[in-house]
């Protein structure tokens, strides 16, 4: 959690892969003032790229100092 209260929730499978619910992203897109519905093949391509970026970001946090702000929730110091 950052100083401004922003939280980032990340689900990770037992094998370390990112778990993403495409239906949540689709519902979000459809809820926008100008609804956006992205085809499945495009969504999967975007999610593969995002998963690579997320894994890279998570690896960079391994050595960062962390504080457990509540059970199972951590904040990166600094």
PDB file of N, CA and C in Angstrom:
ATOM      1  N   UNK A   1       0.844  -1.163   0.000  1.00  0.00           N
ATOM      2  CA  UNK A   1       0.000   0.000   0.000  1.00  0.00           C
ATOM      3  C   UNK A   1       0.898   1.237   0.000  1.00  0.00           C
ATOM      4  N   UNK A   2       0.564   2.190  -0.847  1.00  0.00           N
ATOM      5  CA  UNK A   2       1.376   3.397  -0.909  1.00  0.00           C
ATOM      6  C   UNK A   2       0.878   4.426   0.113  1.00  0.00           C
ATOM      7  N   UNK A   3       1.610   5.523   0.249  1.00  0.00           N
ATOM      8  CA  UNK A   3       1.228   6.573   1.187  1.00  0.00           C
ATOM      9  C   UNK A   3      -0.131   7.175   0.856  1.00  0.00           C
ATOM     10  N   UNK A   4      -0.529   7.151  -0.437  1.00  0.00           N
ATOM     11  CA  UNK A   4      -1.811   7.739  -0.818  1.00  0.00           C
ATOM     12  C   UNK A   4      -2.963   6.735  -0.750  1.00  0.00           C
ATOM     13  N   UNK A   5      -2.699   5.523  -0.233  1.00  0.00           N
ATOM     14  CA  UNK A   5      -3.743   4.536  -0.060  1.00  0.00           C
ATOM     15  C   UNK A   5      -3.979   3.618  -1.239  1.00  0.00           C
ATOM     16  N   UNK A   6      -3.179   3.770  -2.291  1.00  0.00           N
ATOM     17  CA  UNK A   6      -3.337   2.916  -3.456  1.00  0.00           C
ATOM     18  C   UNK A   6      -2.886   1.504  -3.138  1.00  0.00           C
ATOM     19  N   UNK A   7      -3.712   0.524  -3.478  1.00  0.00           N
ATOM     20  CA  UNK A   7      -3.379  -0.875  -3.268  1.00  0.00           C
ATOM     21  C   UNK A   7      -3.332  -1.573  -4.622  1.00  0.00           C
ATOM     22  N   UNK A   8      -2.422  -2.496  -4.748  1.00  0.00           N
ATOM     23  CA  UNK A   8      -2.350  -3.307  -5.955  1.00  0.00           C
ATOM     24  C   UNK A   8      -2.529  -4.748  -5.534  1.00  0.00           C
ATOM     25  N   UNK A   9      -3.584  -5.371  -6.037  1.00  0.00           N
ATOM     26  CA  UNK A   9      -3.838  -6.771  -5.731  1.00  0.00           C
ATOM     27  C   UNK A   9      -3.314  -7.638  -6.857  1.00  0.00           C
ATOM     28  N   UNK A  10      -2.572  -8.644  -6.524  1.00  0.00           N
ATOM     29  CA  UNK A  10      -2.010  -9.542  -7.518  1.00  0.00           C
ATOM     30  C   UNK A  10      -2.309 -10.970  -7.100  1.00  0.00           C
ATOM     31  N   UNK A  11      -2.911 -11.734  -7.994  1.00  0.00           N
ATOM     32  CA  UNK A  11      -3.137 -13.155  -7.740  1.00  0.00           C
ATOM     33  C   UNK A  11      -2.067 -13.935  -8.474  1.00  0.00           C
ATOM     34  N   UNK A  12      -1.472 -14.880  -7.787  1.00  0.00           N
ATOM     35  CA  UNK A  12      -0.413 -15.693  -8.378  1.00  0.00           C
ATOM     36  C   UNK A  12      -0.736 -17.160  -8.121  1.00  0.00           C
ATOM     37  N   UNK A  13      -0.658 -17.967  -9.158  1.00  0.00           N
ATOM     38  CA  UNK A  13      -0.914 -19.403  -9.033  1.00  0.00           C
ATOM     39  C   UNK A  13       0.251 -20.078  -8.316  1.00  0.00           C
ATOM     40  N   UNK A  14       0.045 -21.317  -7.907  1.00  0.00           N
ATOM     41  CA  UNK A  14       1.078 -22.060  -7.183  1.00  0.00           C
ATOM     42  C   UNK A  14       2.370 -22.173  -7.987  1.00  0.00           C
ATOM     43  N   UNK A  15       2.266 -22.174  -9.313  1.00  0.00           N
ATOM     44  CA  UNK A  15       3.466 -22.283 -10.153  1.00  0.00           C
ATOM     45  C   UNK A  15       4.140 -20.937 -10.399  1.00  0.00           C
ATOM     46  N   UNK A  16       3.589 -19.868  -9.802  1.00  0.00           N
ATOM     47  CA  UNK A  16       4.189 -18.546  -9.948  1.00  0.00           C
ATOM     48  C   UNK A  16       3.630 -17.733 -11.100  1.00  0.00           C
ATOM     49  N   UNK A  17       2.719 -18.304 -11.869  1.00  0.00           N
ATOM     50  CA  UNK A  17       2.157 -17.565 -12.999  1.00  0.00           C
ATOM     51  C   UNK A  17       1.054 -16.620 -12.527  1.00  0.00           C
ATOM     52  N   UNK A  18       0.912 -15.524 -13.246  1.00  0.00           N
ATOM     53  CA  UNK A  18      -0.122 -14.543 -12.911  1.00  0.00           C
ATOM     54  C   UNK A  18      -1.493 -15.098 -13.268  1.00  0.00           C
ATOM     55  N   UNK A  19      -2.459 -14.830 -12.400  1.00  0.00           N
ATOM     56  CA  UNK A  19      -3.833 -15.264 -12.640  1.00  0.00           C
ATOM     57  C   UNK A  19      -4.639 -14.012 -12.955  1.00  0.00           C
ATOM     58  N   UNK A  20      -5.215 -13.990 -14.142  1.00  0.00           N
ATOM     59  CA  UNK A  20      -5.968 -12.822 -14.587  1.00  0.00           C
ATOM     60  C   UNK A  20      -7.354 -13.267 -15.022  1.00  0.00           C
ATOM     61  N   UNK A  21      -8.353 -12.554 -14.564  1.00  0.00           N
ATOM     62  CA  UNK A  21      -9.723 -12.836 -14.962  1.00  0.00           C
ATOM     63  C   UNK A  21     -10.079 -11.940 -16.142  1.00  0.00           C
ATOM     64  N   UNK A  22     -10.100 -12.520 -17.348  1.00  0.00           N
ATOM     65  CA  UNK A  22     -10.425 -11.723 -18.526  1.00  0.00           C
ATOM     66  C   UNK A  22     -11.838 -11.163 -18.440  1.00  0.00           C
ATOM     67  N   UNK A  23     -12.744 -11.895 -17.813  1.00  0.00           N
ATOM     68  CA  UNK A  23     -14.124 -11.413 -17.723  1.00  0.00           C
ATOM     69  C   UNK A  23     -14.201 -10.139 -16.896  1.00  0.00           C
ATOM     70  N   UNK A  24     -13.336  -9.997 -15.873  1.00  0.00           N
ATOM     71  CA  UNK A  24     -13.349  -8.756 -15.083  1.00  0.00           C
ATOM     72  C   UNK A  24     -12.903  -7.576 -15.939  1.00  0.00           C
ATOM     73  N   UNK A  25     -11.882  -7.799 -16.751  1.00  0.00           N
ATOM     74  CA  UNK A  25     -11.420  -6.726 -17.629  1.00  0.00           C
ATOM     75  C   UNK A  25     -12.486  -6.366 -18.660  1.00  0.00           C
ATOM     76  N   UNK A  26     -13.147  -7.385 -19.187  1.00  0.00           N
ATOM     77  CA  UNK A  26     -14.211  -7.128 -20.170  1.00  0.00           C
ATOM     78  C   UNK A  26     -15.344  -6.327 -19.523  1.00  0.00           C
ATOM     79  N   UNK A  27     -15.777  -6.728 -18.319  1.00  0.00           N
ATOM     80  CA  UNK A  27     -16.851  -5.994 -17.647  1.00  0.00           C
ATOM     81  C   UNK A  27     -16.434  -4.562 -17.350  1.00  0.00           C
ATOM     82  N   UNK A  28     -15.175  -4.368 -16.984  1.00  0.00           N
ATOM     83  CA  UNK A  28     -14.688  -3.009 -16.750  1.00  0.00           C
ATOM     84  C   UNK A  28     -14.787  -2.200 -18.038  1.00  0.00           C
ATOM     85  N   UNK A  29     -14.313  -2.769 -19.132  1.00  0.00           N
ATOM     86  CA  UNK A  29     -14.378  -2.068 -20.414  1.00  0.00           C
ATOM     87  C   UNK A  29     -15.801  -1.713 -20.803  1.00  0.00           C
ATOM     88  N   UNK A  30     -16.717  -2.622 -20.543  1.00  0.00           N
ATOM     89  CA  UNK A  30     -18.116  -2.367 -20.883  1.00  0.00           C
ATOM     90  C   UNK A  30     -18.766  -1.348 -19.960  1.00  0.00           C
ATOM     91  N   UNK A  31     -18.158  -1.111 -18.780  1.00  0.00           N
ATOM     92  CA  UNK A  31     -18.737  -0.158 -17.831  1.00  0.00           C
ATOM     93  C   UNK A  31     -18.277   1.282 -18.078  1.00  0.00           C
ATOM     94  N   UNK A  32     -17.334   1.471 -18.983  1.00  0.00           N
ATOM     95  CA  UNK A  32     -16.819   2.810 -19.266  1.00  0.00           C
ATOM     96  C   UNK A  32     -17.893   3.678 -19.916  1.00  0.00           C
ATOM     97  N   UNK A  33     -17.771   5.020 -19.794  1.00  0.00           N
ATOM     98  CA  UNK A  33     -18.751   5.916 -20.430  1.00  0.00           C
ATOM     99  C   UNK A  33     -18.898   5.629 -21.929  1.00  0.00           C
ATOM    100  N   UNK A  34     -17.803   5.315 -22.580  1.00  0.00           N
ATOM    101  CA  UNK A  34     -17.843   4.854 -23.970  1.00  0.00           C
ATOM    102  C   UNK A  34     -17.408   3.393 -23.927  1.00  0.00           C
ATOM    103  N   UNK A  35     -18.367   2.464 -23.833  1.00  0.00           N
ATOM    104  CA  UNK A  35     -18.042   1.045 -23.640  1.00  0.00           C
ATOM    105  C   UNK A  35     -17.025   0.517 -24.638  1.00  0.00           C
ATOM    106  N   UNK A  36     -16.149  -0.312 -24.135  1.00  0.00           N
ATOM    107  CA  UNK A  36     -15.093  -0.916 -24.943  1.00  0.00           C
ATOM    108  C   UNK A  36     -15.155  -2.421 -24.759  1.00  0.00           C
ATOM    109  N   UNK A  37     -15.386  -3.145 -25.835  1.00  0.00           N
ATOM    110  CA  UNK A  37     -15.385  -4.602 -25.782  1.00  0.00           C
ATOM    111  C   UNK A  37     -14.250  -5.085 -26.672  1.00  0.00           C
ATOM    112  N   UNK A  38     -13.280  -5.723 -26.059  1.00  0.00           N
ATOM    113  CA  UNK A  38     -12.096  -6.179 -26.779  1.00  0.00           C
ATOM    114  C   UNK A  38     -12.246  -7.665 -27.121  1.00  0.00           C
ATOM    115  N   UNK A  39     -12.001  -8.056 -28.378  1.00  0.00           N
ATOM    116  CA  UNK A  39     -12.098  -9.474 -28.754  1.00  0.00           C
ATOM    117  C   UNK A  39     -11.142 -10.340 -27.923  1.00  0.00           C
ATOM    118  N   UNK A  40     -11.546 -11.596 -27.706  1.00  0.00           N
ATOM    119  CA  UNK A  40     -10.763 -12.520 -26.878  1.00  0.00           C
ATOM    120  C   UNK A  40      -9.307 -12.633 -27.315  1.00  0.00           C
ATOM    121  N   UNK A  41      -9.044 -12.747 -28.627  1.00  0.00           N
ATOM    122  CA  UNK A  41      -7.666 -12.932 -29.080  1.00  0.00           C
ATOM    123  C   UNK A  41      -6.807 -11.710 -28.775  1.00  0.00           C
ATOM    124  N   UNK A  42      -7.378 -10.530 -28.892  1.00  0.00           N
ATOM    125  CA  UNK A  42      -6.638  -9.305 -28.571  1.00  0.00           C
ATOM    126  C   UNK A  42      -6.400  -9.232 -27.064  1.00  0.00           C
ATOM    127  N   UNK A  43      -7.434  -9.555 -26.298  1.00  0.00           N
ATOM    128  CA  UNK A  43      -7.318  -9.523 -24.838  1.00  0.00           C
ATOM    129  C   UNK A  43      -6.229 -10.477 -24.361  1.00  0.00           C
ATOM    130  N   UNK A  44      -6.187 -11.680 -24.910  1.00  0.00           N
ATOM    131  CA  UNK A  44      -5.171 -12.657 -24.496  1.00  0.00           C
ATOM    132  C   UNK A  44      -3.764 -12.169 -24.832  1.00  0.00           C
ATOM    133  N   UNK A  45      -3.602 -11.546 -25.985  1.00  0.00           N
ATOM    134  CA  UNK A  45      -2.291 -11.016 -26.373  1.00  0.00           C
ATOM    135  C   UNK A  45      -1.846  -9.913 -25.408  1.00  0.00           C
ATOM    136  N   UNK A  46      -2.766  -9.035 -25.086  1.00  0.00           N
ATOM    137  CA  UNK A  46      -2.456  -7.944 -24.148  1.00  0.00           C
ATOM    138  C   UNK A  46      -2.109  -8.510 -22.780  1.00  0.00           C
ATOM    139  N   UNK A  47      -2.860  -9.524 -22.341  1.00  0.00           N
ATOM    140  CA  UNK A  47      -2.625 -10.103 -21.025  1.00  0.00           C
ATOM    141  C   UNK A  47      -1.284 -10.830 -20.958  1.00  0.00           C
ATOM    142  N   UNK A  48      -0.871 -11.479 -22.041  1.00  0.00           N
ATOM    143  CA  UNK A  48       0.457 -12.123 -22.044  1.00  0.00           C
ATOM    144  C   UNK A  48       1.548 -11.083 -21.856  1.00  0.00           C
ATOM    145  N   UNK A  49       1.421  -9.969 -22.546  1.00  0.00           N
ATOM    146  CA  UNK A  49       2.408  -8.893 -22.410  1.00  0.00           C
ATOM    147  C   UNK A  49       2.384  -8.308 -20.998  1.00  0.00           C
ATOM    148  N   UNK A  50       1.178  -8.101 -20.457  1.00  0.00           N
ATOM    149  CA  UNK A  50       1.058  -7.559 -19.106  1.00  0.00           C
ATOM    150  C   UNK A  50       1.624  -8.527 -18.078  1.00  0.00           C
ATOM    151  N   UNK A  51       1.413  -9.818 -18.283  1.00  0.00           N
ATOM    152  CA  UNK A  51       1.930 -10.821 -17.353  1.00  0.00           C
ATOM    153  C   UNK A  51       3.456 -10.792 -17.331  1.00  0.00           C
ATOM    154  N   UNK A  52       4.074 -10.620 -18.495  1.00  0.00           N
ATOM    155  CA  UNK A  52       5.540 -10.531 -18.537  1.00  0.00           C
ATOM    156  C   UNK A  52       6.012  -9.307 -17.758  1.00  0.00           C
ATOM    157  N   UNK A  53       5.339  -8.183 -17.944  1.00  0.00           N
ATOM    158  CA  UNK A  53       5.715  -6.960 -17.228  1.00  0.00           C
ATOM    159  C   UNK A  53       5.514  -7.121 -15.729  1.00  0.00           C
ATOM    160  N   UNK A  54       4.408  -7.763 -15.343  1.00  0.00           N
ATOM    161  CA  UNK A  54       4.128  -7.984 -13.928  1.00  0.00           C
ATOM    162  C   UNK A  54       5.172  -8.883 -13.289  1.00  0.00           C
ATOM    163  N   UNK A  55       5.551  -9.951 -13.982  1.00  0.00           N
ATOM    164  CA  UNK A  55       6.597 -10.837 -13.441  1.00  0.00           C
ATOM    165  C   UNK A  55       7.902 -10.080 -13.262  1.00  0.00           C
ATOM    166  N   UNK A  56       8.247  -9.249 -14.224  1.00  0.00           N
ATOM    167  CA  UNK A  56       9.479  -8.462 -14.132  1.00  0.00           C
ATOM    168  C   UNK A  56       9.412  -7.503 -12.936  1.00  0.00           C
ATOM    169  N   UNK A  57       8.270  -6.845 -12.765  1.00  0.00           N
ATOM    170  CA  UNK A  57       8.116  -5.920 -11.638  1.00  0.00           C
ATOM    171  C   UNK A  57       8.188  -6.665 -10.309  1.00  0.00           C
ATOM    172  N   UNK A  58       7.549  -7.817 -10.244  1.00  0.00           N
ATOM    173  CA  UNK A  58       7.570  -8.600  -9.005  1.00  0.00           C
ATOM    174  C   UNK A  58       8.981  -9.055  -8.670  1.00  0.00           C
ATOM    175  N   UNK A  59       9.746  -9.473  -9.680  1.00  0.00           N
ATOM    176  CA  UNK A  59      11.140  -9.877  -9.438  1.00  0.00           C
ATOM    177  C   UNK A  59      11.957  -8.716  -8.884  1.00  0.00           C
ATOM    178  N   UNK A  60      11.689  -7.509  -9.378  1.00  0.00           N
ATOM    179  CA  UNK A  60      12.460  -6.353  -8.908  1.00  0.00           C
ATOM    180  C   UNK A  60      12.136  -6.021  -7.449  1.00  0.00           C
ATOM    181  N   UNK A  61      10.987  -6.484  -6.952  1.00  0.00           N
ATOM    182  CA  UNK A  61      10.602  -6.202  -5.567  1.00  0.00           C
ATOM    183  C   UNK A  61      11.172  -7.203  -4.570  1.00  0.00           C
ATOM    184  N   UNK A  62      11.752  -8.284  -5.055  1.00  0.00           N
ATOM    185  CA  UNK A  62      12.265  -9.319  -4.144  1.00  0.00           C
ATOM    186  C   UNK A  62      13.218  -8.767  -3.103  1.00  0.00           C
ATOM    187  N   UNK A  63      14.096  -7.873  -3.540  1.00  0.00           N
ATOM    188  CA  UNK A  63      15.113  -7.366  -2.616  1.00  0.00           C
ATOM    189  C   UNK A  63      14.700  -6.050  -1.951  1.00  0.00           C
ATOM    190  N   UNK A  64      13.519  -5.532  -2.290  1.00  0.00           N
ATOM    191  CA  UNK A  64      13.074  -4.264  -1.704  1.00  0.00           C
ATOM    192  C   UNK A  64      12.648  -4.483  -0.251  1.00  0.00           C
ATOM    193  N   UNK A  65      12.942  -3.512   0.614  1.00  0.00           N
ATOM    194  CA  UNK A  65      12.491  -3.633   2.001  1.00  0.00           C
ATOM    195  C   UNK A  65      10.963  -3.545   2.048  1.00  0.00           C
ATOM    196  N   UNK A  66      10.344  -4.481   2.772  1.00  0.00           N
ATOM    197  CA  UNK A  66       8.887  -4.528   2.847  1.00  0.00           C
ATOM    198  C   UNK A  66       8.422  -4.494   4.293  1.00  0.00           C
ATOM    199  N   UNK A  67       7.234  -3.946   4.485  1.00  0.00           N
ATOM    200  CA  UNK A  67       6.587  -3.919   5.787  1.00  0.00           C
ATOM    201  C   UNK A  67       5.217  -4.555   5.633  1.00  0.00           C
ATOM    202  N   UNK A  68       4.885  -5.504   6.511  1.00  0.00           N
ATOM    203  CA  UNK A  68       3.563  -6.115   6.467  1.00  0.00           C
ATOM    204  C   UNK A  68       2.597  -5.168   7.165  1.00  0.00           C
ATOM    205  N   UNK A  69       1.676  -4.573   6.391  1.00  0.00           N
ATOM    206  CA  UNK A  69       0.758  -3.576   6.943  1.00  0.00           C
ATOM    207  C   UNK A  69      -0.489  -4.214   7.540  1.00  0.00           C
ATOM    208  N   UNK A  70      -0.800  -5.421   7.127  1.00  0.00           N
ATOM    209  CA  UNK A  70      -1.822  -6.270   7.730  1.00  0.00           C
ATOM    210  C   UNK A  70      -1.530  -7.672   7.223  1.00  0.00           C
ATOM    211  N   UNK A  71      -2.050  -8.673   7.830  1.00  0.00           N
ATOM    212  CA  UNK A  71      -1.680 -10.042   7.438  1.00  0.00           C
ATOM    213  C   UNK A  71      -1.802 -10.296   5.929  1.00  0.00           C
ATOM    214  N   UNK A  72      -0.673 -10.625   5.326  1.00  0.00           N
ATOM    215  CA  UNK A  72      -0.645 -10.932   3.897  1.00  0.00           C
ATOM    216  C   UNK A  72      -0.583  -9.731   2.971  1.00  0.00           C
ATOM    217  N   UNK A  73      -0.564  -8.522   3.501  1.00  0.00           N
ATOM    218  CA  UNK A  73      -0.498  -7.289   2.700  1.00  0.00           C
ATOM    219  C   UNK A  73       0.795  -6.575   3.052  1.00  0.00           C
ATOM    220  N   UNK A  74       1.564  -6.198   2.016  1.00  0.00           N
ATOM    221  CA  UNK A  74       2.866  -5.599   2.244  1.00  0.00           C
ATOM    222  C   UNK A  74       2.975  -4.250   1.557  1.00  0.00           C
ATOM    223  N   UNK A  75       3.801  -3.415   2.138  1.00  0.00           N
ATOM    224  CA  UNK A  75       4.113  -2.110   1.572  1.00  0.00           C
ATOM    225  C   UNK A  75       5.610  -2.076   1.320  1.00  0.00           C
ATOM    226  N   UNK A  76       6.004  -1.502   0.200  1.00  0.00           N
ATOM    227  CA  UNK A  76       7.431  -1.360  -0.103  1.00  0.00           C
ATOM    228  C   UNK A  76       7.882  -0.037   0.507  1.00  0.00           C
ATOM    229  N   UNK A  77       8.890  -0.126   1.366  1.00  0.00           N
ATOM    230  CA  UNK A  77       9.396   1.075   2.038  1.00  0.00           C
ATOM    231  C   UNK A  77      10.108   1.967   1.044  1.00  0.00           C
ATOM    232  N   UNK A  78      10.011   3.245   1.287  1.00  0.00           N
ATOM    233  CA  UNK A  78      10.753   4.185   0.466  1.00  0.00           C
ATOM    234  C   UNK A  78       9.901   4.917  -0.431  1.00  0.00           C
TER     235      UNK A  78
END
